[in-house]
Protein backbone atom coordinates (compact mmCIF):
# COMPACT_ATOMS: atom_id res chain seq x y z
CA MET A 1 27.56 55.84 -61.69
CA ALA A 2 31.25 54.74 -61.62
CA LYS A 3 31.76 56.18 -58.05
CA LEU A 4 28.78 54.53 -57.02
CA PHE A 5 30.48 51.05 -57.84
CA HIS A 6 33.38 52.00 -56.10
CA PHE A 7 31.29 52.26 -52.53
CA LEU A 8 29.22 49.11 -53.04
CA PRO A 9 31.69 46.73 -51.51
CA LEU A 10 32.09 48.95 -48.78
CA VAL A 11 28.34 48.72 -48.06
CA PHE A 12 28.28 45.15 -48.41
CA LEU A 13 31.44 44.82 -45.76
CA PHE A 14 29.45 47.14 -43.35
CA LEU A 15 26.25 45.19 -43.63
CA ILE A 16 27.97 41.81 -43.36
CA GLN A 17 29.88 43.16 -40.11
CA THR A 18 26.30 44.59 -38.74
CA ILE A 19 24.79 41.18 -39.11
CA SER A 20 27.85 39.42 -37.66
CA VAL A 21 27.84 41.56 -34.46
CA SER A 22 23.90 41.23 -34.03
CA ALA A 23 24.44 37.50 -34.25
CA GLN A 24 26.96 37.57 -31.40
CA VAL A 25 25.11 39.91 -29.17
CA ALA A 26 21.86 38.37 -29.30
CA PRO A 27 21.42 35.74 -26.47
CA ALA A 28 20.60 32.14 -27.33
CA PRO A 29 17.07 31.16 -26.65
CA VAL A 30 17.02 28.99 -23.77
CA GLY A 31 13.55 27.04 -23.22
CA PRO A 32 11.93 26.57 -19.69
CA THR A 33 12.90 23.58 -17.80
CA ASN A 34 10.59 20.43 -18.85
CA ILE A 35 10.58 17.37 -16.72
CA THR A 36 9.15 15.19 -19.47
CA GLN A 37 11.97 16.80 -21.83
CA VAL A 38 14.82 15.66 -19.21
CA LEU A 39 13.51 12.43 -18.87
CA GLU A 40 12.95 11.60 -22.67
CA LYS A 41 16.44 12.89 -23.23
CA ALA A 42 17.86 10.18 -20.60
CA GLY A 43 15.80 7.73 -21.98
CA GLN A 44 14.36 4.42 -20.28
CA PHE A 45 11.74 6.37 -18.49
CA THR A 46 8.67 6.10 -20.69
CA THR A 47 6.57 4.62 -18.06
CA LEU A 48 7.08 7.51 -15.86
CA ILE A 49 6.71 9.98 -18.62
CA LYS A 50 3.35 8.46 -19.28
CA LEU A 51 2.33 8.40 -15.50
CA LEU A 52 3.53 12.41 -15.52
CA LYS A 53 1.08 13.43 -18.41
CA ALA A 54 -1.79 10.95 -17.42
CA THR A 55 -1.89 12.57 -13.85
CA GLN A 56 -0.85 16.23 -15.35
CA ILE A 57 1.75 16.49 -12.43
CA ALA A 58 4.33 17.05 -15.44
CA ASP A 59 2.57 20.55 -15.88
CA ARG A 60 2.39 21.18 -12.61
CA ILE A 61 6.29 20.54 -12.08
CA ASN A 62 7.12 22.71 -15.13
CA SER A 63 4.95 25.50 -13.81
CA GLN A 64 6.32 25.38 -10.49
CA LEU A 65 9.95 25.49 -11.78
CA ASN A 66 9.39 28.25 -14.09
CA ASN A 67 7.11 30.53 -12.11
CA SER A 68 8.81 30.11 -8.59
CA ASN A 69 12.08 30.00 -6.89
CA GLN A 70 11.24 26.91 -5.21
CA GLY A 71 13.26 23.67 -6.07
CA LEU A 72 12.28 20.34 -6.54
CA THR A 73 13.63 16.66 -6.40
CA VAL A 74 12.46 14.06 -8.69
CA PHE A 75 13.03 10.26 -8.20
CA ALA A 76 12.39 8.70 -11.39
CA PRO A 77 12.15 5.08 -11.57
CA THR A 78 13.29 3.13 -14.68
CA ASP A 79 11.04 1.27 -17.15
CA ASN A 80 12.80 -1.87 -15.82
CA ALA A 81 11.54 -0.65 -12.22
CA PHE A 82 7.84 -0.64 -13.20
CA SER A 83 8.58 -3.98 -15.46
CA SER A 84 9.63 -5.63 -12.04
CA LEU A 85 6.25 -4.74 -10.05
CA LYS A 86 4.11 -7.62 -9.51
CA ALA A 87 1.71 -7.95 -12.51
CA GLY A 88 -1.43 -5.59 -12.15
CA THR A 89 0.01 -3.08 -9.19
CA LEU A 90 -0.50 -0.03 -11.26
CA ASN A 91 -4.15 -1.26 -12.30
CA SER A 92 -5.02 -1.77 -8.65
CA ILE A 93 -5.12 1.40 -7.90
CA ASN A 94 -7.25 4.34 -9.09
CA SER A 95 -6.37 7.24 -10.92
CA GLN A 96 -6.33 9.50 -7.42
CA ASP A 97 -4.02 6.94 -5.93
CA GLN A 98 -1.49 6.80 -9.18
CA MET A 99 -1.35 10.62 -8.75
CA GLN A 100 -0.38 10.04 -4.99
CA LEU A 101 2.07 7.46 -6.10
CA VAL A 102 3.83 9.94 -8.47
CA GLN A 103 3.95 12.83 -5.95
CA PHE A 104 5.43 10.21 -3.46
CA HIS A 105 8.40 10.52 -6.00
CA ILE A 106 8.83 14.13 -5.74
CA LEU A 107 10.30 16.23 -2.54
CA PRO A 108 9.21 19.90 -2.61
CA THR A 109 12.84 20.93 -1.59
CA LEU A 110 15.95 20.70 -4.00
CA TYR A 111 18.59 18.17 -2.37
CA THR A 112 22.03 17.48 -3.71
CA ILE A 113 23.59 14.35 -3.06
CA SER A 114 25.44 15.71 0.00
CA GLN A 115 22.41 17.42 1.07
CA PHE A 116 21.02 13.89 1.75
CA GLN A 117 23.38 13.47 4.42
CA THR A 118 21.87 15.67 6.91
CA ALA A 119 18.40 15.32 5.58
CA SER A 120 15.86 14.88 8.49
CA ASN A 121 13.68 11.72 8.11
CA PRO A 122 10.91 11.20 7.24
CA LEU A 123 11.59 13.17 3.88
CA HIS A 124 8.39 15.18 2.97
CA THR A 125 6.94 14.28 -0.24
CA GLN A 126 4.27 16.29 -2.34
CA ALA A 127 2.13 12.86 -1.66
CA GLY A 128 1.09 14.26 1.75
CA ASN A 129 2.20 14.25 5.37
CA SER A 130 4.72 11.88 6.14
CA ASP A 131 4.53 11.84 9.90
CA ASP A 132 1.41 10.09 9.91
CA GLY A 133 2.87 6.72 8.86
CA GLU A 134 1.02 7.02 5.69
CA TYR A 135 3.63 8.25 3.19
CA PRO A 136 7.10 7.93 5.03
CA LEU A 137 10.38 7.99 3.01
CA ASN A 138 13.48 7.74 4.85
CA VAL A 139 17.03 8.38 3.64
CA THR A 140 20.04 7.01 4.94
CA THR A 141 23.69 7.50 3.37
CA SER A 142 26.82 5.84 2.98
CA GLY A 143 29.69 8.02 1.58
CA ASN A 144 27.99 9.08 -1.62
CA GLN A 145 25.48 6.36 -1.75
CA VAL A 146 21.81 7.54 -0.96
CA ASN A 147 19.57 4.79 0.61
CA LEU A 148 15.77 5.13 0.16
CA THR A 149 13.14 2.99 2.18
CA THR A 150 9.55 3.40 2.21
CA GLY A 151 8.54 0.87 4.76
CA VAL A 152 7.30 -1.34 1.69
CA VAL A 153 10.53 -1.17 -0.60
CA ASP A 154 14.30 -0.64 -0.27
CA THR A 155 16.41 1.18 -3.13
CA THR A 156 19.20 3.34 -3.76
CA VAL A 157 19.98 6.47 -5.96
CA SER A 158 22.02 4.93 -8.90
CA ASN A 159 22.45 7.94 -11.05
CA THR A 160 22.29 11.58 -11.05
CA ILE A 161 20.13 12.42 -14.16
CA TYR A 162 19.87 16.14 -14.16
CA THR A 163 20.63 19.04 -11.87
CA ASP A 164 20.45 22.64 -11.99
CA ASN A 165 19.82 25.42 -9.25
CA GLN A 166 16.24 24.37 -9.07
CA LEU A 167 15.79 20.68 -10.43
CA ALA A 168 17.40 17.48 -9.41
CA VAL A 169 16.34 14.23 -11.11
CA TYR A 170 18.00 10.88 -9.55
CA GLN A 171 17.45 7.39 -11.16
CA VAL A 172 16.37 4.69 -8.76
CA ASP A 173 15.81 1.21 -9.77
CA LYS A 174 12.64 0.52 -7.76
CA VAL A 175 8.96 2.27 -7.96
CA LEU A 176 8.81 3.72 -4.41
CA LEU A 177 5.77 2.18 -3.21
CA PRO A 178 3.99 4.13 -0.10
CA MET A 179 2.79 2.43 2.82
CA LYS A 180 -0.58 4.15 2.27
CA LEU A 181 -1.16 2.51 -0.96
CA PHE A 182 0.91 -0.74 -0.53
CA GLY A 183 1.72 -1.63 2.93
CA SER A 184 0.93 -4.88 4.24
CA THR A 185 -1.56 -4.53 6.96
CA ALA A 186 -2.10 -7.13 9.65
CA PRO A 187 -4.56 -9.88 8.83
CA ALA A 188 -7.91 -9.77 10.49
CA ALA A 189 -8.01 -12.44 13.33
CA ALA A 190 -9.86 -15.42 12.07
CA PRO A 191 -13.00 -15.96 13.78
CA ALA A 192 -13.00 -18.75 16.33
CA GLU A 193 -14.03 -21.99 14.84
CA ALA A 194 -17.25 -23.49 16.72
CA PRO A 195 -16.42 -26.73 18.40
CA ALA A 196 -17.53 -29.55 16.56
CA PRO A 197 -20.99 -30.99 18.14
CA THR A 198 -20.05 -34.01 20.24
CA LYS A 199 -22.55 -36.58 20.81
CA PRO A 200 -24.35 -36.58 24.27
CA GLU A 201 -22.71 -38.94 26.28
CA LYS A 202 -24.61 -41.62 28.29
CA ASN A 203 -25.19 -40.43 31.86
CA VAL A 204 -24.14 -43.22 33.55
CA ARG A 205 -24.60 -41.52 37.22
CA ALA A 206 -28.39 -40.93 35.92
CA GLY A 207 -28.62 -44.64 34.53
CA ALA A 208 -27.07 -45.79 38.05
CA ALA A 209 -29.78 -43.68 39.90
CA ASP A 210 -32.57 -45.08 37.79
CA SER A 211 -31.74 -48.52 38.91
CA PRO A 212 -32.74 -48.49 42.41
CA SER A 213 -35.72 -46.62 41.62
CA GLY A 214 -36.61 -49.27 39.26
CA SER A 215 -35.82 -51.84 41.67
CA SER A 216 -37.71 -50.08 44.29
CA ASP A 217 -40.91 -49.91 42.35
CA THR A 218 -40.58 -53.54 41.44
CA SER A 219 -40.27 -54.59 45.14
CA ALA A 220 -43.18 -52.21 46.07
CA ASP A 221 -45.19 -53.97 43.34
CA ALA A 222 -44.34 -57.58 44.74
CA SER A 223 -44.97 -56.34 48.38
CA ASN A 224 -48.70 -55.27 47.21
CA ALA A 225 -49.04 -58.53 45.44
CA VAL A 226 -48.08 -60.49 48.58
CA THR A 227 -50.53 -58.39 50.72
CA PHE A 228 -53.46 -58.90 48.19
CA LYS A 229 -52.75 -62.88 48.11
CA VAL A 230 -52.57 -62.82 52.06
CA SER A 231 -55.83 -60.73 52.34
CA PHE A 232 -57.58 -62.92 49.97
CA ALA A 233 -56.77 -66.14 51.34
CA LEU A 234 -58.04 -64.61 54.78
CA VAL A 235 -61.21 -63.89 53.53
CA VAL A 236 -61.65 -67.33 51.75
CA ALA A 237 -60.79 -68.80 55.16
CA VAL A 238 -63.43 -66.42 56.84
CA ILE A 239 -66.13 -67.67 54.34
CA LEU A 240 -65.29 -71.10 54.73
CA ALA A 241 -65.29 -71.14 58.68
CA VAL A 242 -68.89 -69.21 58.30
CA VAL A 243 -70.23 -71.93 55.84
CA SER A 244 -68.73 -74.85 58.14
CA CYS A 245 -70.83 -73.33 61.08
CA PHE A 246 -74.12 -74.03 59.04
């Protein structure tokens, strides 16, 4: 028994060393990339997170990042960017269009800041075909400054929130509003106003033409009257001549 007690310290020392080595060899758990966690950690993206969850696009992004080698670029508008929108802007579009709006902020390719310098316009987003003028997103650069334009709004990339070999998240201070949903359309041509009704003008010519006609009728009546008087007088003269013969 005494010999057993002599070995106990050695046994405990062996166990401690084994546990320590195991702890050093075991890799630290690394969770899958999660877009909402990235935005939550950065702060000031509450509205965007709500839209990502409501449209279920957050799940699509996370699934794509963790089940494929295809990279993504996300432009993340801040809460202030959403607050700066005209009141009722988001409520003016249906849930399908809200999904398109969120997807317009996602590029199906990983872009570093330097890669924007050689990017071809328009950039292709997940919202749809950008070549048909409905979802164009164009980029220009000036040094390390990246400028974005949608045809509705212009903004710049103000900060890099997150980047790895699959995902790049960039802060923008304006919501990227696509032409398809928010583009100003040319107002329809107003119908030509009907001319105001005008009072019929007095037909001077007709009046002038009527006057001679009326004068002619009057002259004819007068002529007939004179003829009648002459005839009556002649008849009376004849009668008187015949009577005088008797």
